[in-house]
Protein backbone atom coordinates (compact mmCIF):
# COMPACT_ATOMS: atom_id res chain seq x y z
CA MET A 1 -10.25 -15.73 23.03
CA GLY A 2 -11.79 -15.23 19.80
CA LEU A 3 -15.74 -14.95 19.84
CA GLY A 4 -18.39 -15.70 17.11
CA GLU A 5 -20.45 -12.66 16.72
CA ASP A 6 -23.84 -14.08 18.35
CA GLY A 7 -22.39 -16.65 20.82
CA PRO A 8 -20.29 -19.69 21.70
CA ASP A 9 -22.13 -21.59 19.36
CA GLY A 10 -19.96 -23.64 17.05
CA LEU A 11 -16.44 -22.66 18.99
CA PRO A 12 -13.47 -25.16 19.04
CA SER A 13 -13.57 -27.41 21.86
CA ALA A 14 -10.22 -25.98 23.30
CA SER A 15 -11.94 -22.52 23.32
CA ARG A 16 -15.39 -24.28 25.20
CA ALA A 17 -12.70 -26.12 27.48
CA ALA A 18 -11.47 -22.41 28.45
CA LEU A 19 -14.72 -21.12 29.18
CA ASP A 20 -15.81 -23.67 31.34
CA ARG A 21 -12.73 -23.70 33.48
CA ALA A 22 -12.69 -19.82 33.65
CA GLU A 23 -12.90 -18.32 37.01
CA ILE A 24 -13.31 -14.97 35.48
CA ILE A 25 -14.72 -14.01 31.75
CA ALA A 26 -13.78 -10.46 30.66
CA GLY A 27 -15.32 -8.85 27.81
CA ALA A 28 -17.73 -6.12 26.53
CA PRO A 29 -21.08 -6.06 27.95
CA ARG A 30 -22.47 -7.68 24.02
CA HIS A 31 -20.17 -10.79 24.79
CA LEU A 32 -20.96 -11.21 27.88
CA ALA A 33 -24.70 -10.88 27.16
CA LEU A 34 -23.90 -13.94 24.72
CA LEU A 35 -22.57 -16.56 27.14
CA PRO A 36 -24.80 -19.35 28.91
CA ASP A 37 -24.28 -19.10 32.74
CA VAL A 38 -20.77 -20.88 32.83
CA GLY A 39 -20.29 -20.00 36.93
CA ALA A 40 -17.77 -17.75 36.58
CA GLU A 41 -17.18 -13.99 37.69
CA ARG A 42 -18.03 -12.09 34.68
CA LEU A 43 -15.70 -8.39 34.19
CA VAL A 44 -17.30 -5.59 31.82
CA TRP A 45 -14.57 -4.52 29.96
CA PRO A 46 -14.92 -0.58 30.05
CA VAL A 47 -14.83 2.15 27.93
CA PRO A 48 -12.11 3.24 26.72
CA PHE A 49 -10.24 0.22 26.35
CA ALA A 50 -7.02 1.05 28.01
CA ASP A 51 -8.90 1.49 31.36
CA GLY A 52 -9.63 -2.25 31.62
CA ILE A 53 -6.02 -3.71 31.48
CA ALA A 54 -5.20 -2.63 35.40
CA GLN A 55 -7.95 -4.53 36.25
CA LEU A 56 -7.44 -7.44 34.01
CA LEU A 57 -3.55 -7.64 35.55
CA ALA A 58 -5.26 -7.31 39.10
CA TYR A 59 -6.48 -10.93 38.50
CA ARG A 60 -2.83 -12.36 37.82
CA GLY A 61 -2.19 -15.99 38.82
CA ARG A 62 -5.98 -16.86 38.28
CA ARG A 63 -7.61 -18.38 35.16
CA VAL A 64 -9.03 -15.45 32.95
CA VAL A 65 -10.73 -15.76 29.98
CA MET A 66 -11.09 -12.21 27.66
CA LEU A 67 -13.91 -12.03 24.80
CA ALA A 68 -12.49 -10.36 21.59
CA SER A 69 -14.58 -10.65 18.11
CA GLY A 70 -12.99 -12.96 15.40
CA ASP A 71 -8.89 -12.81 15.30
CA PRO A 72 -8.12 -10.55 18.41
CA PHE A 73 -4.27 -9.97 16.71
CA TRP A 74 -5.35 -8.54 13.51
CA PHE A 75 -6.73 -5.12 14.32
CA GLY A 76 -7.67 -6.42 17.51
CA ALA A 77 -7.40 -6.25 21.61
CA GLY A 78 -4.60 -9.37 21.81
CA SER A 79 -1.75 -7.13 20.66
CA THR A 80 -2.35 -4.62 23.19
CA VAL A 81 -3.10 -7.16 26.14
CA VAL A 82 -0.44 -9.24 25.92
CA ARG A 83 2.58 -6.38 25.67
CA HIS A 84 1.86 -6.25 29.74
CA LEU A 85 2.00 -9.91 29.88
CA GLU A 86 4.96 -12.38 30.24
CA ARG A 87 5.28 -15.05 27.37
CA GLY A 88 4.19 -17.67 29.40
CA GLU A 89 0.97 -16.25 30.68
CA TRP A 90 -1.22 -16.46 27.91
CA VAL A 91 -2.81 -18.26 25.23
CA ALA A 92 -4.56 -17.03 22.02
CA LEU A 93 -7.96 -19.27 21.02
CA PRO A 94 -8.57 -17.32 18.04
CA VAL A 95 -11.65 -18.05 15.86
CA ALA A 96 -11.93 -17.33 11.97
CA GLY A 97 -11.14 -13.25 11.83
CA THR A 98 -13.57 -10.89 10.68
CA PHE A 99 -11.54 -9.96 7.29
CA SER A 100 -11.88 -13.50 6.27
CA LEU A 101 -15.33 -14.13 6.77
CA ALA A 102 -15.94 -10.99 5.23
CA ALA A 103 -13.66 -12.11 2.18
CA SER A 104 -15.34 -15.49 1.72
CA ARG A 105 -18.50 -13.70 1.82
CA LEU A 106 -17.56 -11.48 -0.77
CA GLY A 107 -15.41 -14.20 -3.05
CA TRP A 108 -12.77 -11.69 -2.62
CA ALA A 109 -8.85 -12.86 -2.77
CA LEU A 110 -7.99 -11.39 0.64
CA GLU A 111 -4.10 -10.97 -0.53
CA ALA A 112 -5.48 -8.50 -3.11
CA VAL A 113 -7.57 -6.58 -0.44
CA ALA A 114 -6.64 -3.63 1.90
CA CYS A 115 -7.57 -4.42 5.34
CA LEU A 116 -8.17 -1.47 7.92
CA GLY A 117 -9.47 -1.18 11.34
CA LEU A 118 -11.27 1.88 12.07
CA HIS A 119 -12.74 1.39 15.62
CA ALA A 120 -10.66 4.17 16.69
CA ALA A 121 -8.63 5.14 13.79
CA PRO A 122 -9.78 8.28 11.35
CA LEU A 123 -11.39 7.22 8.20
CA GLU A 124 -8.42 9.35 6.57
CA ARG A 125 -6.50 6.27 6.94
CA LEU A 126 -8.03 4.83 3.74
CA ARG A 127 -7.12 7.80 1.77
CA PRO A 128 -4.34 6.35 0.04
CA HIS A 129 -6.40 3.20 -0.94
CA LEU A 130 -8.92 4.93 -2.63
CA ALA A 131 -8.33 4.08 -6.65
CA PRO A 132 -10.59 3.27 -9.51
CA ARG A 133 -11.49 -0.55 -9.27
CA ALA A 134 -9.46 -0.89 -5.91
CA ARG A 135 -11.24 -3.33 -2.97
CA ALA A 136 -11.12 -2.78 0.76
CA LEU A 137 -12.29 -4.32 3.96
CA VAL A 138 -12.95 -1.73 6.62
CA LEU A 139 -14.08 -2.59 10.48
CA LEU A 140 -16.25 0.36 12.03
CA ARG A 141 -17.48 1.33 15.51
CA ASP A 142 -21.03 1.29 14.27
CA GLY A 143 -23.83 2.39 12.10
CA ALA A 144 -22.81 6.05 12.76
CA ALA A 145 -19.14 5.62 11.48
CA LEU A 146 -20.73 3.70 8.38
CA ALA A 147 -22.41 6.65 7.51
CA ALA A 148 -19.66 8.70 8.41
CA LEU A 149 -17.54 7.13 5.79
CA ALA A 150 -19.86 7.16 3.22
CA GLY A 151 -20.28 10.85 3.28
CA TRP A 152 -16.83 11.32 3.75
CA LEU A 153 -16.39 9.13 0.39
CA GLU A 154 -18.42 11.13 -1.20
CA GLY A 155 -17.24 14.39 -0.25
CA LEU A 156 -13.92 12.97 -1.69
CA GLY A 157 -15.43 12.23 -5.31
CA PHE A 158 -15.67 8.54 -4.81
CA GLY A 159 -19.77 8.39 -4.21
CA ASN A 160 -20.17 5.49 -6.71
CA THR A 161 -18.00 3.33 -4.47
CA VAL A 162 -20.36 0.11 -3.81
CA LEU A 163 -20.48 -0.37 -0.24
CA HIS A 164 -21.14 -3.76 1.00
CA VAL A 165 -22.46 -3.67 4.80
CA LEU A 166 -21.53 -7.09 6.30
CA GLU A 167 -23.51 -7.11 9.80
CA ARG A 168 -22.52 -9.94 12.87
CA LEU A 169 -20.39 -11.95 10.47
CA GLY A 170 -20.48 -15.89 11.76
CA GLY A 171 -23.42 -15.87 13.40
CA PRO A 172 -27.25 -16.64 13.00
CA ASN A 173 -27.99 -13.07 12.53
CA GLU A 174 -25.72 -12.51 9.95
CA ARG A 175 -26.65 -9.85 7.69
CA HIS A 176 -25.65 -8.64 3.99
CA ARG A 177 -26.35 -5.51 2.26
CA SER A 178 -25.19 -3.48 -0.56
CA THR A 179 -25.64 0.36 -1.18
CA THR A 180 -23.47 3.18 -2.78
CA ALA A 181 -21.47 5.76 -0.84
CA GLN A 182 -23.98 8.31 -2.47
CA GLY A 183 -26.99 6.72 -2.17
CA PHE A 184 -26.12 5.54 1.43
CA GLY A 185 -29.53 5.35 3.52
CA LEU A 186 -29.33 2.70 6.07
CA SER A 187 -30.36 3.33 9.85
CA ASP A 188 -30.53 0.40 11.29
CA VAL A 189 -26.92 -1.27 11.21
CA ALA A 190 -25.99 -3.54 13.68
CA HIS A 191 -22.65 -3.56 15.53
CA PRO A 192 -20.34 -5.13 14.82
CA VAL A 193 -19.91 -4.21 11.13
CA ALA A 194 -17.86 -4.67 8.60
CA VAL A 195 -17.66 -2.77 4.70
CA GLY A 196 -16.28 -4.09 1.65
CA LEU A 197 -15.56 -1.36 -0.49
CA GLU A 198 -15.23 -1.33 -4.32
CA VAL A 199 -14.10 2.23 -4.84
CA ALA A 200 -15.48 4.05 -7.80
CA GLY A 201 -15.67 7.70 -9.15
CA PRO A 202 -13.67 10.57 -10.24
CA GLY A 203 -11.86 11.63 -7.13
CA PRO A 204 -8.24 12.11 -6.77
CA VAL A 205 -6.35 9.38 -6.71
CA LEU A 206 -2.45 9.34 -4.35
CA PRO A 207 0.00 7.89 -6.78
CA CYS A 208 2.06 5.74 -5.36
CA ALA A 209 5.11 7.22 -6.65
CA ALA A 210 7.19 9.86 -4.82
CA GLY A 211 6.07 13.54 -6.00
CA LEU A 212 2.89 13.92 -4.92
CA PRO A 213 1.17 17.20 -7.05
CA ASP A 214 1.63 20.31 -4.92
CA ASP A 215 -2.12 21.41 -4.90
CA LEU A 216 -2.84 17.84 -2.28
CA PHE A 217 -1.24 19.57 0.27
CA ALA A 218 -2.42 23.09 2.29
CA HIS A 219 0.93 25.63 1.92
CA ASP A 220 1.98 28.75 2.42
CA GLY A 221 4.69 28.84 -0.41
CA GLN A 222 6.80 26.90 2.17
CA ILE A 223 6.60 23.48 0.78
CA THR A 224 9.37 21.50 -1.17
CA LYS A 225 7.83 21.71 -4.81
CA ARG A 226 7.56 18.30 -6.55
CA PRO A 227 10.06 17.74 -8.80
CA ILE A 228 12.60 18.75 -6.26
CA ARG A 229 10.67 16.56 -3.81
CA ALA A 230 10.77 13.62 -5.74
CA LEU A 231 14.68 13.91 -5.91
CA THR A 232 14.86 14.42 -2.16
CA MET A 233 12.92 10.94 -1.73
CA SER A 234 15.14 9.16 -3.86
CA ALA A 235 18.06 10.76 -1.93
CA LEU A 236 16.41 9.98 1.25
CA ALA A 237 15.73 6.20 0.26
CA PRO A 238 13.09 5.01 2.64
CA ARG A 239 13.04 1.90 4.12
CA ALA A 240 10.63 -0.35 5.90
CA GLY A 241 10.30 0.57 9.19
CA GLU A 242 12.99 3.38 9.31
CA LEU A 243 12.34 6.81 11.42
CA LEU A 244 12.76 10.14 10.02
CA TRP A 245 13.41 13.33 10.97
CA ASP A 246 12.03 15.82 9.58
CA ILE A 247 13.80 19.34 10.27
CA GLY A 248 12.02 22.59 8.77
CA ALA A 249 9.06 20.94 8.25
CA GLY A 250 6.92 23.42 6.96
CA ALA A 251 3.60 21.99 4.99
CA GLY A 252 4.69 18.61 6.14
CA SER A 253 5.50 16.84 2.36
CA ILE A 254 8.60 15.07 2.94
CA GLY A 255 7.48 13.69 6.46
CA ILE A 256 3.88 13.01 4.79
CA GLU A 257 5.73 11.12 1.61
CA TRP A 258 7.91 9.31 3.64
CA LEU A 259 5.25 7.84 5.96
CA LEU A 260 3.43 6.63 2.44
CA ALA A 261 6.25 4.61 1.34
CA HIS A 262 6.03 2.00 3.88
CA PRO A 263 3.13 1.22 6.97
CA ALA A 264 5.91 0.73 9.10
CA ASN A 265 7.83 3.96 8.70
CA ARG A 266 7.44 7.00 11.58
CA ALA A 267 8.61 10.29 11.04
CA ILE A 268 9.00 13.16 13.44
CA GLY A 269 8.68 16.95 11.70
CA PHE A 270 10.47 19.57 13.60
CA GLU A 271 8.67 23.27 12.72
CA ALA A 272 9.25 26.24 14.94
CA ASP A 273 6.03 27.87 13.02
CA PRO A 274 3.09 27.25 15.06
CA THR A 275 0.79 27.99 12.28
CA ARG A 276 2.86 25.96 9.99
CA ALA A 277 3.27 23.03 12.40
CA ALA A 278 -1.09 22.86 13.03
CA ARG A 279 -0.79 22.61 8.74
CA ALA A 280 1.45 20.36 8.47
CA ARG A 281 -0.84 17.89 10.94
CA ASP A 282 -3.96 18.42 9.09
CA ASN A 283 -1.88 17.55 5.72
CA ALA A 284 -0.84 14.51 7.48
CA LEU A 285 -4.39 13.36 8.25
CA ALA A 286 -5.91 14.26 4.81
CA LEU A 287 -3.58 12.19 3.26
CA GLY A 288 -4.20 9.38 5.27
CA VAL A 289 -0.87 9.42 7.58
CA ASP A 290 -2.00 10.86 10.57
CA ARG A 291 0.85 8.76 12.54
CA LEU A 292 3.14 11.76 11.15
CA GLN A 293 4.41 13.42 14.44
CA ILE A 294 5.34 17.18 14.74
CA ALA A 295 7.53 18.82 17.43
CA LEU A 296 6.92 22.44 18.05
CA GLY A 297 10.35 24.45 18.79
CA ARG A 298 13.54 25.83 17.15
CA VAL A 299 16.44 23.25 16.28
CA PRO A 300 18.47 21.90 17.44
CA GLU A 301 16.94 22.62 21.01
CA ALA A 302 13.68 20.63 19.67
CA LEU A 303 15.61 17.37 19.07
CA ALA A 304 16.15 16.52 22.64
CA GLY A 305 14.08 14.08 24.06
CA HIS A 306 12.84 12.22 20.80
CA PRO A 307 14.24 8.72 19.64
CA LEU A 308 17.37 8.91 17.24
CA PRO A 309 16.87 8.50 13.51
CA ASP A 310 17.87 6.36 10.80
CA VAL A 311 17.30 9.11 8.68
CA VAL A 312 17.44 12.95 9.01
CA PHE A 313 16.19 15.69 5.91
CA ILE A 314 17.26 19.59 6.76
CA GLY A 315 14.65 21.16 4.68
CA GLY A 316 14.86 24.38 6.80
CA GLY A 317 16.89 25.77 9.98
CA LEU A 318 20.23 24.77 8.27
CA SER A 319 22.91 26.08 10.49
CA ALA A 320 26.69 25.11 11.30
CA ALA A 321 25.49 24.68 14.68
CA LEU A 322 22.48 22.47 13.62
CA LEU A 323 25.21 19.98 11.66
CA ASP A 324 27.69 20.14 14.77
CA HIS A 325 25.09 19.21 16.99
CA LEU A 326 23.81 16.17 14.19
CA TRP A 327 27.58 14.85 14.25
CA SER A 328 27.61 14.79 17.93
CA VAL A 329 24.64 12.70 18.88
CA LEU A 330 23.81 10.88 15.55
CA CYS A 331 24.43 7.16 15.23
CA PRO A 332 27.15 5.89 12.87
CA GLY A 333 25.47 5.02 9.77
CA THR A 334 22.72 7.49 9.77
CA ARG A 335 21.86 9.39 6.45
CA VAL A 336 21.51 12.88 5.87
CA VAL A 337 19.98 14.83 3.20
CA ALA A 338 19.80 18.83 3.12
CA ASN A 339 18.45 20.74 0.60
CA ALA A 340 19.78 24.72 0.36
CA VAL A 341 18.65 27.56 -1.70
CA THR A 342 20.39 30.61 -0.61
CA LEU A 343 23.99 31.62 -1.13
CA GLY A 344 24.85 31.37 2.11
CA SER A 345 23.36 27.82 2.86
CA GLU A 346 24.59 26.54 -0.49
CA ALA A 347 28.08 28.19 1.00
CA LEU A 348 27.26 25.92 4.05
CA LEU A 349 26.73 22.94 1.93
CA GLY A 350 29.74 22.84 0.25
CA ASP A 351 32.01 23.59 3.48
CA ALA A 352 29.89 20.30 5.37
CA GLN A 353 30.88 18.66 2.45
CA ALA A 354 34.48 19.33 2.20
CA ARG A 355 34.71 18.73 5.69
CA ARG A 356 32.63 15.49 6.24
CA GLY A 357 32.52 13.81 2.61
CA GLY A 358 29.00 12.67 0.95
CA THR A 359 27.63 14.00 -2.66
CA LEU A 360 26.66 17.32 -3.45
CA MET A 361 23.66 18.02 -6.63
CA ARG A 362 22.26 21.14 -7.96
CA ALA A 363 18.97 20.83 -9.52
CA GLU A 364 18.22 23.29 -11.87
CA ILE A 365 14.41 23.28 -12.77
CA SER A 366 12.34 25.21 -15.58
CA HIS A 367 8.41 25.41 -16.58
CA ALA A 368 7.08 26.40 -19.51
CA ALA A 369 5.16 29.27 -18.82
CA PRO A 370 3.77 32.32 -21.61
CA ILE A 371 5.88 34.67 -22.96
CA GLY A 372 3.32 36.93 -24.31
CA ARG A 373 1.50 35.23 -27.12
CA HIS A 374 4.21 32.47 -26.92
CA MET A 375 5.94 30.31 -24.53
CA GLY A 376 8.80 30.17 -23.16
CA TRP A 377 11.11 28.66 -20.01
CA ARG A 378 10.79 30.21 -16.31
CA ALA A 379 13.17 29.04 -14.30
CA ALA A 380 12.59 28.17 -10.70
CA TRP A 381 15.25 28.99 -7.94
CA PRO A 382 17.86 26.42 -7.92
CA VAL A 383 18.22 23.71 -5.37
CA MET A 384 21.67 22.09 -3.91
CA GLN A 385 21.36 19.05 -2.08
CA TRP A 386 23.48 17.33 -0.14
CA SER A 387 23.54 13.66 0.95
CA VAL A 388 25.85 11.51 3.12
CA GLU A 389 26.19 8.97 5.36
CA ILE A 390 27.29 9.56 9.06
């Protein structure tokens, strides 16, 4: 049940009736402290949150009310709890959600604002949304998290971002203050806190199109370069909710761009080198897609035990044995894209295309570079690309 931040006053009649009939009321200590004595047993929800699920389920068959701030199904506890229950075992009684309250205080059109819950998630998830004049509403754990957010923004070059600090929304102790990231000095921020960001500053912005600049990725040279990466992403053709296997992940650039294409997309990167695997994880976190999963090991053995993908990209580890294995385990309709640079791998892709169909493309990219006092073309290694559907 959604609860106003400073108590049950103003709750809909259905919510008040649920409290009056409850045998057990579960919630965080700050929620329980706001309630009058209604005669019900009180269950203090533990930290970490997951530890309370078993305690809650032990009361199955009794009248239990669980308290949560705002709308429990928008970055809230509701979806976590109900996955353990049958459909007829629960009913949700939400009040106005924090995002709606924050937007109404600031006068912002909610559909034009990025909304993120960062209670237990890294601040870097905000990274793709940082662009001048962009707006975002962010839910944070406490004042320390807000200070960390301000420092992180300043470090990225977005210190001019205006922070609208909204504390205890929806109750009599609500407070609204504004500052900038670089000028942040609030030390008495009350929980729960939401922050409205008006992004400003010269920091680097992540483009919305495929083919991010190479210097956004830490790498040792083992990276699909920007022009070829843009062509590769076009061939992979990400669709919402699809799972990618990125074989030979290297710096993780393909998996990262796949995840940036849509928030529902998933990706598993397979990498044999531990240093590169760690670097790919770090790149994914820095660019706001910490959900990139990295599997350490050599293919095809490392593929075992993972959910089958909708799309496969082979950027490293290409072999006839790998292709045979993929064709033995992947489902019909799976899309496969493979890039090759060496003569041996080009020959392998040519043979695979003759046997399995699909299309071949060869990309040769040149960049202007100094030749003495003049400029000329410096060619990069040509790349052959094979695209096929199983």
